[in-house]
Amino acid sequence: MFPERLKALRLEAGLTQKQISETLGINQPQYARWEKGGREPSKETLQKFAELFNVSVDYLLGNTDVKNQPESALESAEFMFRKTVDDFNLTKEQQEQFKIDINNFIEMRRKAFEEDKNQE
């Protein structure tokens, strides 16, 4: 999984093996071996790849299909919205209804929190 992901990320970025090797200060033939399925790089090098491609190490290693975990609740909600839109290829109308549903849910939870707070 790692070799395929490494190569795919490089191609998505429009970079050559040589450019990545120079950027990260690694040996180009070694980089080529990683793309062909040789031994995995060190943890430090994996982290460099993750930072360069803005993905998680878990994504590089095939432990998850999520390229980058969101850092905040807002990013998480936006991520889930976009993932749902993409996964189900929602039309514009479906996207608008989905937004309305999300807003209604948030308003409902907000009211419930308010009621809980008032009962304290």
C-alpha atoms as a PDB file:
ATOM      1  CA  MET A   1       0.000   0.000   0.000  1.00  0.00           C
ATOM      2  CA  PHE A   2       2.782   2.462   0.909  1.00  0.00           C
ATOM      3  CA  PRO A   3       4.531   2.323  -2.495  1.00  0.00           C
ATOM      4  CA  GLU A   4       1.286   2.944  -4.374  1.00  0.00           C
ATOM      5  CA  ARG A   5       0.287   5.835  -2.146  1.00  0.00           C
ATOM      6  CA  LEU A   6       3.735   7.407  -2.279  1.00  0.00           C
ATOM      7  CA  LYS A   7       3.765   7.332  -6.069  1.00  0.00           C
ATOM      8  CA  ALA A   8       0.165   8.544  -6.370  1.00  0.00           C
ATOM      9  CA  LEU A   9       0.831  11.490  -4.048  1.00  0.00           C
ATOM     10  CA  ARG A  10       3.969  12.414  -5.972  1.00  0.00           C
ATOM     11  CA  LEU A  11       2.100  12.338  -9.273  1.00  0.00           C
ATOM     12  CA  GLU A  12      -0.826  14.332  -7.818  1.00  0.00           C
ATOM     13  CA  ALA A  13       1.685  16.965  -6.720  1.00  0.00           C
ATOM     14  CA  GLY A  14       3.247  16.998 -10.200  1.00  0.00           C
ATOM     15  CA  LEU A  15       6.705  16.239  -8.834  1.00  0.00           C
ATOM     16  CA  THR A  16       9.498  13.999 -10.051  1.00  0.00           C
ATOM     17  CA  GLN A  17      11.340  11.522  -7.869  1.00  0.00           C
ATOM     18  CA  LYS A  18      14.404  13.746  -8.187  1.00  0.00           C
ATOM     19  CA  GLN A  19      12.517  16.838  -6.994  1.00  0.00           C
ATOM     20  CA  ILE A  20      11.201  15.034  -3.922  1.00  0.00           C
ATOM     21  CA  SER A  21      14.621  13.573  -3.159  1.00  0.00           C
ATOM     22  CA  GLU A  22      16.229  17.006  -3.352  1.00  0.00           C
ATOM     23  CA  THR A  23      13.469  18.646  -1.300  1.00  0.00           C
ATOM     24  CA  LEU A  24      13.737  16.094   1.502  1.00  0.00           C
ATOM     25  CA  GLY A  25      17.496  15.564   1.262  1.00  0.00           C
ATOM     26  CA  ILE A  26      17.270  11.858   0.504  1.00  0.00           C
ATOM     27  CA  ASN A  27      18.964   9.614  -2.039  1.00  0.00           C
ATOM     28  CA  GLN A  28      16.979   9.446  -5.321  1.00  0.00           C
ATOM     29  CA  PRO A  29      17.680   5.734  -5.990  1.00  0.00           C
ATOM     30  CA  GLN A  30      16.448   4.936  -2.463  1.00  0.00           C
ATOM     31  CA  TYR A  31      13.298   6.940  -3.106  1.00  0.00           C
ATOM     32  CA  ALA A  32      12.725   4.962  -6.314  1.00  0.00           C
ATOM     33  CA  ARG A  33      13.049   1.699  -4.345  1.00  0.00           C
ATOM     34  CA  TRP A  34      10.378   2.895  -1.882  1.00  0.00           C
ATOM     35  CA  GLU A  35       7.992   3.522  -4.769  1.00  0.00           C
ATOM     36  CA  LYS A  36       8.754   0.045  -6.145  1.00  0.00           C
ATOM     37  CA  GLY A  37       8.029  -1.677  -2.861  1.00  0.00           C
ATOM     38  CA  GLY A  38      11.360  -1.918  -1.101  1.00  0.00           C
ATOM     39  CA  ARG A  39      11.664  -1.551   2.655  1.00  0.00           C
ATOM     40  CA  GLU A  40       9.647   1.236   4.215  1.00  0.00           C
ATOM     41  CA  PRO A  41      11.523   4.386   5.204  1.00  0.00           C
ATOM     42  CA  SER A  42      12.269   5.371   8.781  1.00  0.00           C
ATOM     43  CA  LYS A  43       9.623   6.992  10.952  1.00  0.00           C
ATOM     44  CA  GLU A  44      11.371  10.333  10.475  1.00  0.00           C
ATOM     45  CA  THR A  45      11.261  10.014   6.686  1.00  0.00           C
ATOM     46  CA  LEU A  46       7.624   8.904   6.773  1.00  0.00           C
ATOM     47  CA  GLN A  47       6.852  12.053   8.753  1.00  0.00           C
ATOM     48  CA  LYS A  48       8.683  14.160   6.154  1.00  0.00           C
ATOM     49  CA  PHE A  49       6.571  12.596   3.392  1.00  0.00           C
ATOM     50  CA  ALA A  50       3.396  13.191   5.387  1.00  0.00           C
ATOM     51  CA  GLU A  51       4.261  16.858   5.880  1.00  0.00           C
ATOM     52  CA  LEU A  52       5.291  17.334   2.247  1.00  0.00           C
ATOM     53  CA  PHE A  53       2.062  15.843   0.896  1.00  0.00           C
ATOM     54  CA  ASN A  54      -0.161  17.151   3.729  1.00  0.00           C
ATOM     55  CA  VAL A  55      -1.407  13.687   4.669  1.00  0.00           C
ATOM     56  CA  SER A  56      -1.162  11.548   7.794  1.00  0.00           C
ATOM     57  CA  VAL A  57       1.439   8.831   8.231  1.00  0.00           C
ATOM     58  CA  ASP A  58      -1.486   6.430   8.706  1.00  0.00           C
ATOM     59  CA  TYR A  59      -2.718   7.362   5.235  1.00  0.00           C
ATOM     60  CA  LEU A  60       0.742   6.757   3.752  1.00  0.00           C
ATOM     61  CA  LEU A  61       0.897   3.318   5.363  1.00  0.00           C
ATOM     62  CA  GLY A  62      -2.617   2.347   4.294  1.00  0.00           C
ATOM     63  CA  ASN A  63      -4.064   2.295   7.811  1.00  0.00           C
ATOM     64  CA  THR A  64      -6.784   4.750   6.760  1.00  0.00           C
ATOM     65  CA  ASP A  65      -8.282   6.103   3.557  1.00  0.00           C
ATOM     66  CA  VAL A  66      -8.616   9.564   5.098  1.00  0.00           C
ATOM     67  CA  LYS A  67      -5.714  11.679   3.884  1.00  0.00           C
ATOM     68  CA  ASN A  68      -5.739  14.125   6.754  1.00  0.00           C
ATOM     69  CA  GLN A  69      -7.705  14.125   9.990  1.00  0.00           C
ATOM     70  CA  PRO A  70      -9.481  17.382  10.806  1.00  0.00           C
ATOM     71  CA  GLU A  71      -8.149  19.247  13.831  1.00  0.00           C
ATOM     72  CA  SER A  72     -11.241  20.987  15.165  1.00  0.00           C
ATOM     73  CA  ALA A  73     -14.943  20.263  15.525  1.00  0.00           C
ATOM     74  CA  LEU A  74     -15.718  22.733  12.740  1.00  0.00           C
ATOM     75  CA  GLU A  75     -13.150  21.141  10.425  1.00  0.00           C
ATOM     76  CA  SER A  76     -14.544  17.736  11.337  1.00  0.00           C
ATOM     77  CA  ALA A  77     -18.100  18.783  10.452  1.00  0.00           C
ATOM     78  CA  GLU A  78     -16.950  20.327   7.184  1.00  0.00           C
ATOM     79  CA  PHE A  79     -14.904  17.219   6.401  1.00  0.00           C
ATOM     80  CA  MET A  80     -17.896  14.941   7.015  1.00  0.00           C
ATOM     81  CA  PHE A  81     -20.132  17.168   4.872  1.00  0.00           C
ATOM     82  CA  ARG A  82     -17.659  17.141   1.959  1.00  0.00           C
ATOM     83  CA  LYS A  83     -17.029  13.410   2.307  1.00  0.00           C
ATOM     84  CA  THR A  84     -20.768  12.689   2.193  1.00  0.00           C
ATOM     85  CA  VAL A  85     -21.233  14.960  -0.825  1.00  0.00           C
ATOM     86  CA  ASP A  86     -18.340  13.238  -2.616  1.00  0.00           C
ATOM     87  CA  ASP A  87     -19.124   9.655  -1.550  1.00  0.00           C
ATOM     88  CA  PHE A  88     -22.741   9.888  -2.681  1.00  0.00           C
ATOM     89  CA  ASN A  89     -22.208  12.325  -5.564  1.00  0.00           C
ATOM     90  CA  LEU A  90     -25.001  14.554  -4.254  1.00  0.00           C
ATOM     91  CA  THR A  91     -26.726  16.951  -6.624  1.00  0.00           C
ATOM     92  CA  LYS A  92     -26.904  20.661  -5.788  1.00  0.00           C
ATOM     93  CA  GLU A  93     -30.469  20.178  -4.555  1.00  0.00           C
ATOM     94  CA  GLN A  94     -29.435  17.265  -2.338  1.00  0.00           C
ATOM     95  CA  GLN A  95     -26.527  19.309  -0.988  1.00  0.00           C
ATOM     96  CA  GLU A  96     -28.866  22.169  -0.096  1.00  0.00           C
ATOM     97  CA  GLN A  97     -31.270  19.789   1.657  1.00  0.00           C
ATOM     98  CA  PHE A  98     -28.341  18.206   3.484  1.00  0.00           C
ATOM     99  CA  LYS A  99     -27.266  21.670   4.723  1.00  0.00           C
ATOM    100  CA  ILE A 100     -30.814  22.366   5.917  1.00  0.00           C
ATOM    101  CA  ASP A 101     -30.912  19.000   7.717  1.00  0.00           C
ATOM    102  CA  ILE A 102     -27.588  19.720   9.422  1.00  0.00           C
ATOM    103  CA  ASN A 103     -28.713  23.187  10.508  1.00  0.00           C
ATOM    104  CA  ASN A 104     -31.997  21.774  11.848  1.00  0.00           C
ATOM    105  CA  PHE A 105     -30.108  19.131  13.811  1.00  0.00           C
ATOM    106  CA  ILE A 106     -27.735  21.721  15.278  1.00  0.00           C
ATOM    107  CA  GLU A 107     -30.649  23.960  16.273  1.00  0.00           C
ATOM    108  CA  MET A 108     -32.444  21.003  17.888  1.00  0.00           C
ATOM    109  CA  ARG A 109     -29.328  20.073  19.903  1.00  0.00           C
ATOM    110  CA  ARG A 110     -28.787  23.698  20.850  1.00  0.00           C
ATOM    111  CA  LYS A 111     -32.312  23.887  22.276  1.00  0.00           C
ATOM    112  CA  ALA A 112     -31.760  20.663  24.197  1.00  0.00           C
ATOM    113  CA  PHE A 113     -28.524  22.036  25.682  1.00  0.00           C
ATOM    114  CA  GLU A 114     -30.332  25.239  26.627  1.00  0.00           C
ATOM    115  CA  GLU A 115     -33.092  23.249  28.385  1.00  0.00           C
ATOM    116  CA  ASP A 116     -30.488  21.196  30.251  1.00  0.00           C
ATOM    117  CA  LYS A 117     -28.711  24.365  31.331  1.00  0.00           C
ATOM    118  CA  ASN A 118     -31.956  25.942  32.561  1.00  0.00           C
ATOM    119  CA  GLN A 119     -32.763  22.854  34.659  1.00  0.00           C
ATOM    120  CA  GLU A 120     -29.494  23.073  36.590  1.00  0.00           C
END
